[in-house]
Amino acid sequence: MRDIRFRGKRKDNGEWVYGGLYQDQAGAAFIIDAHRSSHSWNKDGTALIMVEAIPVVPETVGQFTGLCDRSPDKKECCKGDIVKVRFRKHNGKFYYENGVVEWCKEKGDWLWVATLGDEMLCQVLSENYIYQGEIIGNIHEHAELLEKAK
C-alpha cells in the first residue's frame, strides 16, 4: 500500500510539518498530524477522534512521492524538492543539473524537470532515477539553486 503523506510550512513559525492534508473550500490548508491525535468513545459506542489540524501556507504543500534520495539519511522526496542529478556526457565526464519534482497529470506520474537554457528536460522520477540524485533543497526556501547547478 502506498504511503500518502504531505508536508507544508506552518503559518505560525515556518517549520515544516508532515502528515495528512485537509484543504477547505476557501483554500486554507492544514496538515493533520496523526501522532498528535487521540480518541475516545461516545455513550452510543461510536468513536470520537480528536486531531490537531496545523495551519500551513497552501503554496508550500507538497505530496510525498514514495521515493527517497541516495543520501545517507535517505531524504524523502516531495513535490517542490530540488534534486541534483548526475549525468554522463558522451566523453565520459560527469556533470550535474538541478531540477524540481513535479506531478504530471497527463502522465499520472512524478517528473524531475530542469530548464537548460531555452530547453526543458523532463524525466519520469523512478526509484532508479532518484537514486542518482540528491535532494538539495526545495523551491520555497532555495529557489536560487535552480539558477545553475555547480
N, C-alpha and C. Protein backbone atom coordinates (compact mmCIF):
# COMPACT_ATOMS: atom_id res chain seq x y z
N MET A 1 0.84 -1.17 0.00
CA MET A 1 0.00 0.00 0.00
C MET A 1 0.89 1.25 0.00
N ARG A 2 0.55 2.23 -0.81
CA ARG A 2 1.33 3.45 -0.93
C ARG A 2 1.10 4.37 0.26
N ASP A 3 2.17 4.97 0.72
CA ASP A 3 2.13 5.88 1.86
C ASP A 3 1.84 7.29 1.34
N ILE A 4 0.62 7.78 1.54
CA ILE A 4 0.24 9.10 1.05
C ILE A 4 0.34 10.09 2.20
N ARG A 5 1.35 10.97 2.10
CA ARG A 5 1.59 11.98 3.12
C ARG A 5 1.90 13.30 2.43
N PHE A 6 1.81 14.35 3.19
CA PHE A 6 2.09 15.69 2.69
C PHE A 6 2.99 16.42 3.67
N ARG A 7 3.56 17.51 3.19
CA ARG A 7 4.30 18.40 4.06
C ARG A 7 3.88 19.83 3.73
N GLY A 8 4.06 20.71 4.69
CA GLY A 8 3.78 22.13 4.48
C GLY A 8 4.46 22.94 5.56
N LYS A 9 4.69 24.22 5.27
CA LYS A 9 5.31 25.12 6.25
C LYS A 9 4.24 25.72 7.13
N ARG A 10 4.43 25.59 8.43
CA ARG A 10 3.49 26.16 9.40
C ARG A 10 3.38 27.66 9.21
N LYS A 11 2.16 28.16 9.36
CA LYS A 11 1.93 29.61 9.26
C LYS A 11 2.51 30.34 10.48
N ASP A 12 2.47 29.71 11.65
CA ASP A 12 2.87 30.42 12.86
C ASP A 12 4.37 30.53 13.06
N ASN A 13 5.15 29.53 12.61
CA ASN A 13 6.58 29.59 12.89
C ASN A 13 7.48 29.18 11.72
N GLY A 14 6.89 28.81 10.59
CA GLY A 14 7.69 28.47 9.40
C GLY A 14 8.33 27.10 9.41
N GLU A 15 8.08 26.30 10.43
CA GLU A 15 8.64 24.95 10.47
C GLU A 15 7.87 24.03 9.54
N TRP A 16 8.55 23.01 9.04
CA TRP A 16 7.90 22.02 8.19
C TRP A 16 7.18 21.00 9.06
N VAL A 17 5.95 20.65 8.67
CA VAL A 17 5.19 19.61 9.35
C VAL A 17 4.75 18.58 8.31
N TYR A 18 4.54 17.35 8.77
CA TYR A 18 4.24 16.24 7.88
C TYR A 18 3.00 15.51 8.37
N GLY A 19 2.20 15.01 7.44
CA GLY A 19 1.02 14.25 7.81
C GLY A 19 -0.01 14.25 6.72
N GLY A 20 -1.26 14.11 7.11
CA GLY A 20 -2.37 14.15 6.16
C GLY A 20 -2.69 15.58 5.78
N LEU A 21 -3.42 15.76 4.69
CA LEU A 21 -3.75 17.10 4.21
C LEU A 21 -5.25 17.31 4.23
N TYR A 22 -5.65 18.49 4.72
CA TYR A 22 -7.05 18.93 4.62
C TYR A 22 -7.03 20.34 4.04
N GLN A 23 -7.82 20.55 2.99
CA GLN A 23 -7.98 21.89 2.43
C GLN A 23 -9.46 22.23 2.44
N ASP A 24 -9.77 23.42 2.96
CA ASP A 24 -11.18 23.81 2.99
C ASP A 24 -11.56 24.51 1.68
N GLN A 25 -12.84 24.84 1.55
CA GLN A 25 -13.34 25.44 0.31
C GLN A 25 -12.75 26.82 0.05
N ALA A 26 -12.30 27.49 1.07
CA ALA A 26 -11.71 28.81 0.91
C ALA A 26 -10.24 28.74 0.48
N GLY A 27 -9.67 27.52 0.45
CA GLY A 27 -8.28 27.34 0.02
C GLY A 27 -7.28 27.25 1.16
N ALA A 28 -7.74 27.35 2.40
CA ALA A 28 -6.83 27.20 3.53
C ALA A 28 -6.36 25.75 3.60
N ALA A 29 -5.11 25.54 4.00
CA ALA A 29 -4.53 24.20 4.06
C ALA A 29 -4.10 23.88 5.49
N PHE A 30 -4.30 22.63 5.87
CA PHE A 30 -3.96 22.15 7.20
C PHE A 30 -3.29 20.79 7.08
N ILE A 31 -2.23 20.58 7.84
CA ILE A 31 -1.61 19.27 7.94
C ILE A 31 -2.14 18.61 9.21
N ILE A 32 -2.59 17.39 9.08
CA ILE A 32 -3.13 16.61 10.20
C ILE A 32 -2.03 15.68 10.69
N ASP A 33 -1.59 15.89 11.91
CA ASP A 33 -0.52 15.08 12.49
C ASP A 33 -1.16 13.90 13.21
N ALA A 34 -1.04 12.72 12.62
CA ALA A 34 -1.65 11.52 13.19
C ALA A 34 -1.06 11.17 14.55
N HIS A 35 0.19 11.58 14.80
CA HIS A 35 0.82 11.27 16.08
C HIS A 35 0.28 12.14 17.21
N ARG A 36 -0.43 13.19 16.85
CA ARG A 36 -1.00 14.08 17.87
C ARG A 36 -2.51 13.91 17.95
N SER A 37 -3.01 12.77 17.58
CA SER A 37 -4.45 12.55 17.65
C SER A 37 -4.78 11.70 18.88
N SER A 38 -6.02 11.77 19.26
CA SER A 38 -6.49 10.95 20.38
C SER A 38 -7.93 10.56 20.08
N HIS A 39 -8.39 9.58 20.78
CA HIS A 39 -9.78 9.16 20.57
C HIS A 39 -10.42 8.75 21.90
N SER A 40 -11.70 8.81 21.86
CA SER A 40 -12.48 8.34 23.00
C SER A 40 -13.77 7.76 22.43
N TRP A 41 -14.61 7.28 23.30
CA TRP A 41 -15.85 6.63 22.86
C TRP A 41 -17.06 7.40 23.39
N ASN A 42 -18.01 7.62 22.51
CA ASN A 42 -19.28 8.20 22.91
C ASN A 42 -20.10 7.15 23.66
N LYS A 43 -21.15 7.57 24.34
CA LYS A 43 -22.01 6.63 25.07
C LYS A 43 -22.67 5.62 24.17
N ASP A 44 -22.90 5.99 22.90
CA ASP A 44 -23.55 5.06 21.98
C ASP A 44 -22.55 4.10 21.32
N GLY A 45 -21.27 4.18 21.71
CA GLY A 45 -20.26 3.24 21.20
C GLY A 45 -19.51 3.74 19.97
N THR A 46 -19.86 4.90 19.47
CA THR A 46 -19.15 5.43 18.31
C THR A 46 -17.87 6.14 18.77
N ALA A 47 -16.90 6.16 17.87
CA ALA A 47 -15.61 6.76 18.20
C ALA A 47 -15.64 8.27 18.03
N LEU A 48 -15.00 8.94 18.92
CA LEU A 48 -14.80 10.38 18.83
C LEU A 48 -13.30 10.59 18.67
N ILE A 49 -12.89 11.06 17.51
CA ILE A 49 -11.47 11.21 17.21
C ILE A 49 -11.12 12.69 17.21
N MET A 50 -10.09 13.03 17.95
CA MET A 50 -9.61 14.40 18.03
C MET A 50 -8.26 14.46 17.31
N VAL A 51 -8.14 15.38 16.37
CA VAL A 51 -6.88 15.55 15.65
C VAL A 51 -6.44 17.00 15.73
N GLU A 52 -5.16 17.21 15.57
CA GLU A 52 -4.63 18.56 15.52
C GLU A 52 -4.46 18.94 14.05
N ALA A 53 -5.14 19.99 13.64
CA ALA A 53 -5.03 20.49 12.27
C ALA A 53 -4.12 21.72 12.31
N ILE A 54 -2.92 21.59 11.77
CA ILE A 54 -1.93 22.65 11.83
C ILE A 54 -2.05 23.51 10.57
N PRO A 55 -2.36 24.81 10.71
CA PRO A 55 -2.46 25.68 9.53
C PRO A 55 -1.10 25.82 8.85
N VAL A 56 -1.07 25.61 7.52
CA VAL A 56 0.17 25.74 6.75
C VAL A 56 -0.06 26.69 5.58
N VAL A 57 1.03 27.21 5.03
CA VAL A 57 0.96 28.08 3.85
C VAL A 57 0.60 27.18 2.66
N PRO A 58 -0.56 27.39 2.02
CA PRO A 58 -1.03 26.48 0.96
C PRO A 58 -0.02 26.27 -0.17
N GLU A 59 0.71 27.31 -0.55
CA GLU A 59 1.66 27.19 -1.66
C GLU A 59 2.84 26.27 -1.34
N THR A 60 3.07 25.99 -0.07
CA THR A 60 4.21 25.15 0.32
C THR A 60 3.84 23.67 0.44
N VAL A 61 2.58 23.33 0.28
CA VAL A 61 2.16 21.94 0.43
C VAL A 61 2.72 21.10 -0.70
N GLY A 62 3.35 19.99 -0.34
CA GLY A 62 3.88 19.06 -1.33
C GLY A 62 3.62 17.64 -0.89
N GLN A 63 3.25 16.80 -1.85
CA GLN A 63 2.97 15.39 -1.54
C GLN A 63 4.25 14.57 -1.59
N PHE A 64 4.39 13.61 -0.70
CA PHE A 64 5.49 12.66 -0.69
C PHE A 64 5.35 11.77 -1.91
N THR A 65 6.44 11.58 -2.67
CA THR A 65 6.40 10.79 -3.90
C THR A 65 6.48 9.29 -3.66
N GLY A 66 6.86 8.91 -2.45
CA GLY A 66 7.08 7.49 -2.18
C GLY A 66 8.52 7.09 -2.41
N LEU A 67 9.37 8.05 -2.82
CA LEU A 67 10.77 7.78 -3.13
C LEU A 67 11.70 8.52 -2.18
N CYS A 68 12.90 8.01 -2.01
CA CYS A 68 13.93 8.64 -1.20
C CYS A 68 15.19 8.80 -2.03
N ASP A 69 16.01 9.79 -1.71
CA ASP A 69 17.23 10.02 -2.48
C ASP A 69 18.36 9.11 -2.01
N ARG A 70 19.55 9.32 -2.58
CA ARG A 70 20.69 8.45 -2.29
C ARG A 70 21.53 8.90 -1.10
N SER A 71 21.15 9.99 -0.46
CA SER A 71 21.93 10.49 0.67
C SER A 71 21.92 9.46 1.79
N PRO A 72 22.93 9.51 2.67
CA PRO A 72 22.99 8.53 3.77
C PRO A 72 21.74 8.51 4.65
N ASP A 73 21.08 9.66 4.80
CA ASP A 73 19.87 9.68 5.63
C ASP A 73 18.59 9.44 4.83
N LYS A 74 18.73 9.13 3.52
CA LYS A 74 17.58 8.77 2.66
C LYS A 74 16.44 9.78 2.79
N LYS A 75 16.70 11.01 2.36
CA LYS A 75 15.69 12.07 2.44
C LYS A 75 14.47 11.70 1.61
N GLU A 76 13.28 11.92 2.18
CA GLU A 76 12.04 11.65 1.46
C GLU A 76 11.82 12.74 0.41
N CYS A 77 11.45 12.34 -0.77
CA CYS A 77 11.28 13.25 -1.90
C CYS A 77 9.82 13.69 -2.01
N CYS A 78 9.60 15.00 -2.02
CA CYS A 78 8.25 15.57 -2.10
C CYS A 78 8.15 16.53 -3.29
N LYS A 79 6.93 16.79 -3.70
CA LYS A 79 6.69 17.79 -4.73
C LYS A 79 7.32 19.12 -4.29
N GLY A 80 8.04 19.75 -5.22
CA GLY A 80 8.69 21.01 -4.92
C GLY A 80 10.13 20.88 -4.47
N ASP A 81 10.60 19.65 -4.26
CA ASP A 81 12.00 19.45 -3.89
C ASP A 81 12.90 19.73 -5.09
N ILE A 82 14.09 20.23 -4.81
CA ILE A 82 15.11 20.43 -5.83
C ILE A 82 16.09 19.27 -5.71
N VAL A 83 16.25 18.54 -6.80
CA VAL A 83 17.10 17.35 -6.81
C VAL A 83 18.27 17.58 -7.77
N LYS A 84 19.47 17.36 -7.28
CA LYS A 84 20.69 17.47 -8.09
C LYS A 84 20.97 16.08 -8.64
N VAL A 85 20.98 15.97 -9.99
CA VAL A 85 21.15 14.67 -10.64
C VAL A 85 22.44 14.67 -11.44
N ARG A 86 23.14 13.55 -11.40
CA ARG A 86 24.39 13.39 -12.12
C ARG A 86 24.12 12.77 -13.50
N PHE A 87 24.73 13.37 -14.52
CA PHE A 87 24.62 12.86 -15.88
C PHE A 87 26.02 12.56 -16.41
N ARG A 88 26.09 11.68 -17.41
CA ARG A 88 27.36 11.38 -18.05
C ARG A 88 27.32 11.94 -19.47
N LYS A 89 28.34 12.72 -19.80
CA LYS A 89 28.47 13.26 -21.16
C LYS A 89 29.01 12.17 -22.08
N HIS A 90 28.97 12.44 -23.39
CA HIS A 90 29.48 11.48 -24.38
C HIS A 90 30.97 11.21 -24.18
N ASN A 91 31.70 12.18 -23.65
CA ASN A 91 33.14 11.99 -23.43
C ASN A 91 33.44 11.24 -22.13
N GLY A 92 32.40 10.82 -21.42
CA GLY A 92 32.57 10.04 -20.20
C GLY A 92 32.64 10.87 -18.92
N LYS A 93 32.75 12.19 -19.07
CA LYS A 93 32.80 13.05 -17.89
C LYS A 93 31.39 13.26 -17.34
N PHE A 94 31.34 13.53 -16.04
CA PHE A 94 30.05 13.74 -15.39
C PHE A 94 29.78 15.23 -15.21
N TYR A 95 28.51 15.57 -15.21
CA TYR A 95 28.08 16.92 -14.85
C TYR A 95 26.77 16.79 -14.09
N TYR A 96 26.37 17.88 -13.46
CA TYR A 96 25.18 17.86 -12.60
C TYR A 96 24.18 18.92 -13.07
N GLU A 97 22.92 18.60 -12.90
CA GLU A 97 21.83 19.55 -13.16
C GLU A 97 20.86 19.49 -11.99
N ASN A 98 20.31 20.65 -11.64
CA ASN A 98 19.30 20.73 -10.61
C ASN A 98 17.93 20.82 -11.26
N GLY A 99 16.98 20.07 -10.75
CA GLY A 99 15.62 20.10 -11.28
C GLY A 99 14.61 20.00 -10.14
N VAL A 100 13.37 20.27 -10.47
CA VAL A 100 12.28 20.29 -9.50
C VAL A 100 11.40 19.06 -9.67
N VAL A 101 10.94 18.53 -8.56
CA VAL A 101 9.99 17.41 -8.59
C VAL A 101 8.59 17.98 -8.76
N GLU A 102 7.91 17.53 -9.81
CA GLU A 102 6.56 17.99 -10.13
C GLU A 102 5.66 16.80 -10.44
N TRP A 103 4.37 16.97 -10.25
CA TRP A 103 3.38 15.96 -10.62
C TRP A 103 2.90 16.28 -12.03
N CYS A 104 2.87 15.27 -12.89
CA CYS A 104 2.38 15.43 -14.25
C CYS A 104 1.04 14.72 -14.38
N LYS A 105 -0.02 15.50 -14.46
CA LYS A 105 -1.37 14.94 -14.52
C LYS A 105 -1.56 14.10 -15.79
N GLU A 106 -0.99 14.56 -16.91
CA GLU A 106 -1.15 13.86 -18.18
C GLU A 106 -0.51 12.46 -18.15
N LYS A 107 0.65 12.35 -17.53
CA LYS A 107 1.35 11.07 -17.43
C LYS A 107 0.91 10.26 -16.21
N GLY A 108 0.33 10.96 -15.23
CA GLY A 108 -0.05 10.29 -13.99
C GLY A 108 1.18 9.81 -13.24
N ASP A 109 2.23 10.65 -13.26
CA ASP A 109 3.48 10.24 -12.64
C ASP A 109 4.27 11.47 -12.17
N TRP A 110 5.26 11.21 -11.33
CA TRP A 110 6.15 12.26 -10.85
C TRP A 110 7.25 12.48 -11.87
N LEU A 111 7.62 13.76 -12.07
CA LEU A 111 8.68 14.11 -13.01
C LEU A 111 9.76 14.91 -12.31
N TRP A 112 10.99 14.80 -12.84
CA TRP A 112 12.09 15.69 -12.50
C TRP A 112 12.19 16.63 -13.68
N VAL A 113 12.09 17.94 -13.44
CA VAL A 113 12.03 18.93 -14.51
C VAL A 113 13.15 19.94 -14.32
N ALA A 114 13.96 20.12 -15.37
CA ALA A 114 15.05 21.09 -15.33
C ALA A 114 14.96 21.98 -16.57
N THR A 115 15.36 23.23 -16.42
CA THR A 115 15.42 24.17 -17.54
C THR A 115 16.88 24.35 -17.91
N LEU A 116 17.20 24.02 -19.16
CA LEU A 116 18.57 24.14 -19.66
C LEU A 116 18.56 25.16 -20.79
N GLY A 117 18.85 26.40 -20.44
CA GLY A 117 18.77 27.47 -21.44
C GLY A 117 17.33 27.65 -21.89
N ASP A 118 17.09 27.46 -23.19
CA ASP A 118 15.74 27.56 -23.74
C ASP A 118 15.00 26.23 -23.75
N GLU A 119 15.65 25.19 -23.32
CA GLU A 119 15.06 23.85 -23.35
C GLU A 119 14.63 23.39 -21.98
N MET A 120 13.66 22.49 -21.97
CA MET A 120 13.19 21.90 -20.73
C MET A 120 13.47 20.40 -20.80
N LEU A 121 14.07 19.88 -19.76
CA LEU A 121 14.39 18.46 -19.65
C LEU A 121 13.46 17.85 -18.62
N CYS A 122 12.72 16.83 -19.02
CA CYS A 122 11.79 16.14 -18.11
C CYS A 122 12.15 14.66 -18.08
N GLN A 123 12.13 14.10 -16.89
CA GLN A 123 12.41 12.68 -16.72
C GLN A 123 11.44 12.12 -15.70
N VAL A 124 10.85 10.96 -16.02
CA VAL A 124 9.96 10.31 -15.05
C VAL A 124 10.80 9.96 -13.83
N LEU A 125 10.29 10.29 -12.67
CA LEU A 125 11.01 10.08 -11.41
C LEU A 125 10.75 8.65 -10.94
N SER A 126 11.74 7.80 -11.12
CA SER A 126 11.63 6.41 -10.69
C SER A 126 12.60 6.17 -9.54
N GLU A 127 12.52 5.01 -8.94
CA GLU A 127 13.43 4.70 -7.85
C GLU A 127 14.88 4.72 -8.33
N ASN A 128 15.14 4.20 -9.53
CA ASN A 128 16.49 4.21 -10.07
C ASN A 128 16.95 5.63 -10.36
N TYR A 129 16.06 6.47 -10.87
CA TYR A 129 16.44 7.82 -11.23
C TYR A 129 16.72 8.68 -10.00
N ILE A 130 15.85 8.61 -9.02
CA ILE A 130 16.06 9.43 -7.82
C ILE A 130 17.31 8.96 -7.08
N TYR A 131 17.66 7.69 -7.22
CA TYR A 131 18.86 7.19 -6.55
C TYR A 131 20.12 7.81 -7.13
N GLN A 132 20.05 8.33 -8.36
CA GLN A 132 21.19 9.03 -8.97
C GLN A 132 21.31 10.45 -8.44
N GLY A 133 20.29 10.92 -7.75
CA GLY A 133 20.25 12.31 -7.32
C GLY A 133 20.28 12.49 -5.82
N GLU A 134 20.35 13.75 -5.46
CA GLU A 134 20.33 14.10 -4.04
C GLU A 134 19.45 15.33 -3.87
N ILE A 135 18.57 15.29 -2.89
CA ILE A 135 17.71 16.44 -2.59
C ILE A 135 18.58 17.49 -1.92
N ILE A 136 18.63 18.69 -2.54
CA ILE A 136 19.50 19.74 -2.01
C ILE A 136 18.71 20.93 -1.49
N GLY A 137 17.39 20.86 -1.58
CA GLY A 137 16.56 21.96 -1.09
C GLY A 137 15.16 21.85 -1.66
N ASN A 138 14.44 22.96 -1.62
CA ASN A 138 13.10 22.99 -2.19
C ASN A 138 12.84 24.39 -2.76
N ILE A 139 11.83 24.50 -3.59
CA ILE A 139 11.57 25.76 -4.28
C ILE A 139 11.08 26.86 -3.36
N HIS A 140 10.63 26.52 -2.17
CA HIS A 140 10.10 27.50 -1.24
C HIS A 140 11.19 28.20 -0.42
N GLU A 141 12.31 27.52 -0.25
CA GLU A 141 13.38 28.08 0.56
C GLU A 141 14.70 28.26 -0.21
N HIS A 142 14.84 27.59 -1.34
CA HIS A 142 16.13 27.56 -2.03
C HIS A 142 15.98 27.74 -3.54
N ALA A 143 15.10 28.63 -3.98
CA ALA A 143 14.86 28.81 -5.41
C ALA A 143 16.13 29.16 -6.18
N GLU A 144 17.09 29.78 -5.52
CA GLU A 144 18.34 30.17 -6.19
C GLU A 144 19.12 28.95 -6.70
N LEU A 145 18.86 27.77 -6.16
CA LEU A 145 19.54 26.55 -6.59
C LEU A 145 19.15 26.14 -8.01
N LEU A 146 18.08 26.71 -8.52
CA LEU A 146 17.63 26.37 -9.88
C LEU A 146 18.31 27.23 -10.92
N GLU A 147 19.03 28.27 -10.50
CA GLU A 147 19.67 29.16 -11.46
C GLU A 147 20.69 28.41 -12.31
N LYS A 148 21.59 27.67 -11.71
CA LYS A 148 22.54 26.84 -12.44
C LYS A 148 23.24 25.92 -11.47
N ALA A 149 23.27 24.62 -11.82
CA ALA A 149 23.96 23.64 -10.98
C ALA A 149 25.47 23.92 -11.05
N LYS A 150 26.12 23.69 -9.94
CA LYS A 150 27.58 23.88 -9.91
C LYS A 150 28.27 22.58 -10.17
